[in-house]
Amino acid sequence: MPIVVRIDVELARQKMSVGEFADRVGLTPANVAVLKNGRAKAVRFSTLEAMCRVLNCQPGDLLEFVED
C-alpha cells in the first residue's frame, strides 16, 4: 500500500510508549500495532484527529504517500 503510517516516528519524537498512546487515543494496543505495521486498510477521521491531538502533530506528519 503506498500510504505509510508514521506513528512510530511521532511516538519516538514525543517519547511516548505505545500503551500510553493507545490509552490517550482510545485505541487498543493491538489496533495501534495494526496501524504501525501498515496492515490498516482505513483510518477514521475521528481517530486521525485524536492521534494528532495526542501527538501534537498534523495529519501529514502521520501519513506519507510512497510510490510502489
PDB file of N, CA and C in Angstrom:
ATOM      1  N   MET A   1       0.853  -1.182   0.000  1.00  0.00           N
ATOM      2  CA  MET A   1       0.000   0.000   0.000  1.00  0.00           C
ATOM      3  C   MET A   1       0.890   1.232   0.000  1.00  0.00           C
ATOM      4  N   PRO A   2       0.623   2.180  -0.849  1.00  0.00           N
ATOM      5  CA  PRO A   2       1.505   3.344  -0.949  1.00  0.00           C
ATOM      6  C   PRO A   2       1.359   4.363   0.180  1.00  0.00           C
ATOM      7  N   ILE A   3       0.375   4.219   1.071  1.00  0.00           N
ATOM      8  CA  ILE A   3       0.248   5.123   2.216  1.00  0.00           C
ATOM      9  C   ILE A   3       0.939   4.485   3.415  1.00  0.00           C
ATOM     10  N   VAL A   4       1.923   5.170   3.953  1.00  0.00           N
ATOM     11  CA  VAL A   4       2.690   4.659   5.090  1.00  0.00           C
ATOM     12  C   VAL A   4       2.309   5.474   6.325  1.00  0.00           C
ATOM     13  N   VAL A   5       2.038   4.778   7.426  1.00  0.00           N
ATOM     14  CA  VAL A   5       1.685   5.435   8.686  1.00  0.00           C
ATOM     15  C   VAL A   5       2.955   5.585   9.514  1.00  0.00           C
ATOM     16  N   ARG A   6       3.256   6.780   9.923  1.00  0.00           N
ATOM     17  CA  ARG A   6       4.499   7.094  10.630  1.00  0.00           C
ATOM     18  C   ARG A   6       4.283   7.335  12.128  1.00  0.00           C
ATOM     19  N   ILE A   7       3.436   6.538  12.740  1.00  0.00           N
ATOM     20  CA  ILE A   7       3.184   6.701  14.172  1.00  0.00           C
ATOM     21  C   ILE A   7       4.454   6.493  14.975  1.00  0.00           C
ATOM     22  N   ASP A   8       5.266   5.510  14.563  1.00  0.00           N
ATOM     23  CA  ASP A   8       6.474   5.216  15.335  1.00  0.00           C
ATOM     24  C   ASP A   8       7.417   6.412  15.406  1.00  0.00           C
ATOM     25  N   VAL A   9       7.503   7.186  14.328  1.00  0.00           N
ATOM     26  CA  VAL A   9       8.370   8.371  14.309  1.00  0.00           C
ATOM     27  C   VAL A   9       7.851   9.408  15.304  1.00  0.00           C
ATOM     28  N   GLU A  10       6.541   9.635  15.282  1.00  0.00           N
ATOM     29  CA  GLU A  10       5.963  10.633  16.195  1.00  0.00           C
ATOM     30  C   GLU A  10       6.009  10.157  17.643  1.00  0.00           C
ATOM     31  N   LEU A  11       5.821   8.859  17.858  1.00  0.00           N
ATOM     32  CA  LEU A  11       5.928   8.340  19.226  1.00  0.00           C
ATOM     33  C   LEU A  11       7.349   8.532  19.757  1.00  0.00           C
ATOM     34  N   ALA A  12       8.336   8.293  18.923  1.00  0.00           N
ATOM     35  CA  ALA A  12       9.727   8.487  19.346  1.00  0.00           C
ATOM     36  C   ALA A  12       9.997   9.967  19.615  1.00  0.00           C
ATOM     37  N   ARG A  13       9.475  10.820  18.746  1.00  0.00           N
ATOM     38  CA  ARG A  13       9.682  12.272  18.919  1.00  0.00           C
ATOM     39  C   ARG A  13       9.069  12.754  20.232  1.00  0.00           C
ATOM     40  N   GLN A  14       7.910  12.186  20.580  1.00  0.00           N
ATOM     41  CA  GLN A  14       7.208  12.582  21.807  1.00  0.00           C
ATOM     42  C   GLN A  14       7.678  11.783  23.027  1.00  0.00           C
ATOM     43  N   LYS A  15       8.515  10.765  22.773  1.00  0.00           N
ATOM     44  CA  LYS A  15       8.983   9.863  23.836  1.00  0.00           C
ATOM     45  C   LYS A  15       7.789   9.253  24.584  1.00  0.00           C
ATOM     46  N   MET A  16       6.843   8.740  23.777  1.00  0.00           N
ATOM     47  CA  MET A  16       5.614   8.175  24.334  1.00  0.00           C
ATOM     48  C   MET A  16       5.560   6.684  24.003  1.00  0.00           C
ATOM     49  N   SER A  17       5.134   5.883  24.954  1.00  0.00           N
ATOM     50  CA  SER A  17       5.011   4.445  24.706  1.00  0.00           C
ATOM     51  C   SER A  17       3.741   4.145  23.913  1.00  0.00           C
ATOM     52  N   VAL A  18       3.721   2.990  23.299  1.00  0.00           N
ATOM     53  CA  VAL A  18       2.534   2.569  22.547  1.00  0.00           C
ATOM     54  C   VAL A  18       1.343   2.445  23.486  1.00  0.00           C
ATOM     55  N   GLY A  19       1.581   1.917  24.684  1.00  0.00           N
ATOM     56  CA  GLY A  19       0.486   1.757  25.639  1.00  0.00           C
ATOM     57  C   GLY A  19      -0.127   3.078  26.050  1.00  0.00           C
ATOM     58  N   GLU A  20       0.713   4.058  26.364  1.00  0.00           N
ATOM     59  CA  GLU A  20       0.212   5.381  26.737  1.00  0.00           C
ATOM     60  C   GLU A  20      -0.541   6.015  25.567  1.00  0.00           C
ATOM     61  N   PHE A  21       0.043   5.893  24.362  1.00  0.00           N
ATOM     62  CA  PHE A  21      -0.608   6.438  23.167  1.00  0.00           C
ATOM     63  C   PHE A  21      -1.970   5.798  22.960  1.00  0.00           C
ATOM     64  N   ALA A  22      -2.029   4.470  23.053  1.00  0.00           N
ATOM     65  CA  ALA A  22      -3.286   3.759  22.860  1.00  0.00           C
ATOM     66  C   ALA A  22      -4.337   4.217  23.870  1.00  0.00           C
ATOM     67  N   ASP A  23      -3.924   4.345  25.131  1.00  0.00           N
ATOM     68  CA  ASP A  23      -4.859   4.804  26.174  1.00  0.00           C
ATOM     69  C   ASP A  23      -5.378   6.202  25.883  1.00  0.00           C
ATOM     70  N   ARG A  24      -4.471   7.104  25.529  1.00  0.00           N
ATOM     71  CA  ARG A  24      -4.871   8.505  25.320  1.00  0.00           C
ATOM     72  C   ARG A  24      -5.722   8.694  24.074  1.00  0.00           C
ATOM     73  N   VAL A  25      -5.490   7.871  23.045  1.00  0.00           N
ATOM     74  CA  VAL A  25      -6.283   7.983  21.809  1.00  0.00           C
ATOM     75  C   VAL A  25      -7.595   7.221  21.928  1.00  0.00           C
ATOM     76  N   GLY A  26      -7.602   6.178  22.751  1.00  0.00           N
ATOM     77  CA  GLY A  26      -8.803   5.357  22.879  1.00  0.00           C
ATOM     78  C   GLY A  26      -8.787   4.153  21.951  1.00  0.00           C
ATOM     79  N   LEU A  27      -7.584   3.698  21.601  1.00  0.00           N
ATOM     80  CA  LEU A  27      -7.419   2.509  20.775  1.00  0.00           C
ATOM     81  C   LEU A  27      -6.841   1.389  21.631  1.00  0.00           C
ATOM     82  N   THR A  28      -6.979   0.174  21.143  1.00  0.00           N
ATOM     83  CA  THR A  28      -6.295  -0.937  21.810  1.00  0.00           C
ATOM     84  C   THR A  28      -4.850  -0.958  21.303  1.00  0.00           C
ATOM     85  N   PRO A  29      -3.924  -1.462  22.125  1.00  0.00           N
ATOM     86  CA  PRO A  29      -2.548  -1.604  21.634  1.00  0.00           C
ATOM     87  C   PRO A  29      -2.474  -2.459  20.359  1.00  0.00           C
ATOM     88  N   ALA A  30      -3.362  -3.432  20.231  1.00  0.00           N
ATOM     89  CA  ALA A  30      -3.382  -4.271  19.020  1.00  0.00           C
ATOM     90  C   ALA A  30      -3.731  -3.440  17.790  1.00  0.00           C
ATOM     91  N   ASN A  31      -4.689  -2.522  17.940  1.00  0.00           N
ATOM     92  CA  ASN A  31      -5.046  -1.672  16.795  1.00  0.00           C
ATOM     93  C   ASN A  31      -3.944  -0.675  16.468  1.00  0.00           C
ATOM     94  N   VAL A  32      -3.225  -0.196  17.484  1.00  0.00           N
ATOM     95  CA  VAL A  32      -2.074   0.675  17.214  1.00  0.00           C
ATOM     96  C   VAL A  32      -1.027  -0.111  16.433  1.00  0.00           C
ATOM     97  N   ALA A  33      -0.825  -1.367  16.811  1.00  0.00           N
ATOM     98  CA  ALA A  33       0.143  -2.207  16.084  1.00  0.00           C
ATOM     99  C   ALA A  33      -0.271  -2.392  14.633  1.00  0.00           C
ATOM    100  N   VAL A  34      -1.571  -2.561  14.390  1.00  0.00           N
ATOM    101  CA  VAL A  34      -2.061  -2.697  13.012  1.00  0.00           C
ATOM    102  C   VAL A  34      -1.724  -1.437  12.218  1.00  0.00           C
ATOM    103  N   LEU A  35      -1.920  -0.276  12.827  1.00  0.00           N
ATOM    104  CA  LEU A  35      -1.587   0.986  12.147  1.00  0.00           C
ATOM    105  C   LEU A  35      -0.085   1.103  11.923  1.00  0.00           C
ATOM    106  N   LYS A  36       0.692   0.804  12.966  1.00  0.00           N
ATOM    107  CA  LYS A  36       2.143   0.945  12.871  1.00  0.00           C
ATOM    108  C   LYS A  36       2.755   0.020  11.830  1.00  0.00           C
ATOM    109  N   ASN A  37       2.189  -1.176  11.695  1.00  0.00           N
ATOM    110  CA  ASN A  37       2.767  -2.168  10.798  1.00  0.00           C
ATOM    111  C   ASN A  37       2.233  -2.089   9.377  1.00  0.00           C
ATOM    112  N   GLY A  38       1.428  -1.082   9.086  1.00  0.00           N
ATOM    113  CA  GLY A  38       0.944  -0.898   7.724  1.00  0.00           C
ATOM    114  C   GLY A  38      -0.116  -1.898   7.299  1.00  0.00           C
ATOM    115  N   ARG A  39      -0.783  -2.518   8.257  1.00  0.00           N
ATOM    116  CA  ARG A  39      -1.819  -3.501   7.916  1.00  0.00           C
ATOM    117  C   ARG A  39      -3.217  -2.903   7.923  1.00  0.00           C
ATOM    118  N   ALA A  40      -3.352  -1.629   8.309  1.00  0.00           N
ATOM    119  CA  ALA A  40      -4.679  -0.985   8.343  1.00  0.00           C
ATOM    120  C   ALA A  40      -5.119  -0.660   6.920  1.00  0.00           C
ATOM    121  N   LYS A  41      -6.379  -0.864   6.645  1.00  0.00           N
ATOM    122  CA  LYS A  41      -6.948  -0.551   5.331  1.00  0.00           C
ATOM    123  C   LYS A  41      -7.638   0.804   5.327  1.00  0.00           C
ATOM    124  N   ALA A  42      -7.924   1.362   6.514  1.00  0.00           N
ATOM    125  CA  ALA A  42      -8.606   2.646   6.608  1.00  0.00           C
ATOM    126  C   ALA A  42      -8.358   3.239   7.999  1.00  0.00           C
ATOM    127  N   VAL A  43      -8.518   4.546   8.086  1.00  0.00           N
ATOM    128  CA  VAL A  43      -8.437   5.260   9.365  1.00  0.00           C
ATOM    129  C   VAL A  43      -9.577   6.265   9.389  1.00  0.00           C
ATOM    130  N   ARG A  44     -10.370   6.239  10.440  1.00  0.00           N
ATOM    131  CA  ARG A  44     -11.441   7.230  10.570  1.00  0.00           C
ATOM    132  C   ARG A  44     -10.842   8.601  10.840  1.00  0.00           C
ATOM    133  N   PHE A  45     -11.498   9.635  10.306  1.00  0.00           N
ATOM    134  CA  PHE A  45     -11.027  10.995  10.573  1.00  0.00           C
ATOM    135  C   PHE A  45     -11.035  11.281  12.070  1.00  0.00           C
ATOM    136  N   SER A  46     -12.018  10.736  12.794  1.00  0.00           N
ATOM    137  CA  SER A  46     -12.066  10.977  14.235  1.00  0.00           C
ATOM    138  C   SER A  46     -10.852  10.348  14.933  1.00  0.00           C
ATOM    139  N   THR A  47     -10.406   9.201  14.453  1.00  0.00           N
ATOM    140  CA  THR A  47      -9.210   8.563  15.015  1.00  0.00           C
ATOM    141  C   THR A  47      -7.973   9.355  14.639  1.00  0.00           C
ATOM    142  N   LEU A  48      -7.903   9.797  13.395  1.00  0.00           N
ATOM    143  CA  LEU A  48      -6.763  10.610  12.959  1.00  0.00           C
ATOM    144  C   LEU A  48      -6.695  11.905  13.762  1.00  0.00           C
ATOM    145  N   GLU A  49      -7.839  12.509  13.989  1.00  0.00           N
ATOM    146  CA  GLU A  49      -7.892  13.737  14.793  1.00  0.00           C
ATOM    147  C   GLU A  49      -7.379  13.468  16.216  1.00  0.00           C
ATOM    148  N   ALA A  50      -7.824  12.372  16.811  1.00  0.00           N
ATOM    149  CA  ALA A  50      -7.378  12.044  18.171  1.00  0.00           C
ATOM    150  C   ALA A  50      -5.881  11.775  18.205  1.00  0.00           C
ATOM    151  N   MET A  51      -5.365  11.083  17.198  1.00  0.00           N
ATOM    152  CA  MET A  51      -3.924  10.816  17.150  1.00  0.00           C
ATOM    153  C   MET A  51      -3.136  12.120  17.022  1.00  0.00           C
ATOM    154  N   CYS A  52      -3.607  13.026  16.176  1.00  0.00           N
ATOM    155  CA  CYS A  52      -2.924  14.317  16.003  1.00  0.00           C
ATOM    156  C   CYS A  52      -2.991  15.139  17.289  1.00  0.00           C
ATOM    157  N   ARG A  53      -4.129  15.095  17.948  1.00  0.00           N
ATOM    158  CA  ARG A  53      -4.302  15.853  19.193  1.00  0.00           C
ATOM    159  C   ARG A  53      -3.328  15.341  20.269  1.00  0.00           C
ATOM    160  N   VAL A  54      -3.238  14.025  20.409  1.00  0.00           N
ATOM    161  CA  VAL A  54      -2.359  13.418  21.431  1.00  0.00           C
ATOM    162  C   VAL A  54      -0.887  13.665  21.101  1.00  0.00           C
ATOM    163  N   LEU A  55      -0.532  13.550  19.818  1.00  0.00           N
ATOM    164  CA  LEU A  55       0.875  13.680  19.422  1.00  0.00           C
ATOM    165  C   LEU A  55       1.258  15.118  19.069  1.00  0.00           C
ATOM    166  N   ASN A  56       0.265  16.021  19.116  1.00  0.00           N
ATOM    167  CA  ASN A  56       0.521  17.433  18.796  1.00  0.00           C
ATOM    168  C   ASN A  56       1.206  17.554  17.430  1.00  0.00           C
ATOM    169  N   CYS A  57       0.545  16.965  16.431  1.00  0.00           N
ATOM    170  CA  CYS A  57       1.125  16.985  15.083  1.00  0.00           C
ATOM    171  C   CYS A  57       0.008  17.167  14.051  1.00  0.00           C
ATOM    172  N   GLN A  58       0.391  17.236  12.792  1.00  0.00           N
ATOM    173  CA  GLN A  58      -0.544  17.369  11.684  1.00  0.00           C
ATOM    174  C   GLN A  58      -0.753  15.996  11.031  1.00  0.00           C
ATOM    175  N   PRO A  59      -1.892  15.795  10.335  1.00  0.00           N
ATOM    176  CA  PRO A  59      -2.105  14.506   9.661  1.00  0.00           C
ATOM    177  C   PRO A  59      -0.949  14.124   8.736  1.00  0.00           C
ATOM    178  N   GLY A  60      -0.357  15.106   8.071  1.00  0.00           N
ATOM    179  CA  GLY A  60       0.769  14.828   7.184  1.00  0.00           C
ATOM    180  C   GLY A  60       2.003  14.326   7.910  1.00  0.00           C
ATOM    181  N   ASP A  61       2.075  14.564   9.207  1.00  0.00           N
ATOM    182  CA  ASP A  61       3.192  14.025   9.989  1.00  0.00           C
ATOM    183  C   ASP A  61       3.011  12.528  10.230  1.00  0.00           C
ATOM    184  N   LEU A  62       1.765  12.061  10.149  1.00  0.00           N
ATOM    185  CA  LEU A  62       1.475  10.654  10.429  1.00  0.00           C
ATOM    186  C   LEU A  62       1.310   9.807   9.172  1.00  0.00           C
ATOM    187  N   LEU A  63       0.908  10.441   8.073  1.00  0.00           N
ATOM    188  CA  LEU A  63       0.649   9.694   6.841  1.00  0.00           C
ATOM    189  C   LEU A  63       1.572  10.190   5.735  1.00  0.00           C
ATOM    190  N   GLU A  64       2.132   9.240   4.988  1.00  0.00           N
ATOM    191  CA  GLU A  64       3.035   9.595   3.898  1.00  0.00           C
ATOM    192  C   GLU A  64       2.696   8.745   2.687  1.00  0.00           C
ATOM    193  N   PHE A  65       2.650   9.365   1.505  1.00  0.00           N
ATOM    194  CA  PHE A  65       2.449   8.634   0.255  1.00  0.00           C
ATOM    195  C   PHE A  65       3.815   8.255  -0.296  1.00  0.00           C
ATOM    196  N   VAL A  66       4.001   6.962  -0.549  1.00  0.00           N
ATOM    197  CA  VAL A  66       5.263   6.456  -1.089  1.00  0.00           C
ATOM    198  C   VAL A  66       4.943   5.654  -2.346  1.00  0.00           C
ATOM    199  N   GLU A  67       5.567   5.991  -3.457  1.00  0.00           N
ATOM    200  CA  GLU A  67       5.355   5.247  -4.707  1.00  0.00           C
ATOM    201  C   GLU A  67       5.751   3.791  -4.517  1.00  0.00           C
ATOM    202  N   ASP A  68       4.980   2.895  -5.139  1.00  0.00           N
ATOM    203  CA  ASP A  68       5.323   1.457  -5.096  1.00  0.00           C
ATOM    204  C   ASP A  68       6.547   1.192  -5.945  1.00  0.00           C
TER     205      ASP A  68
END
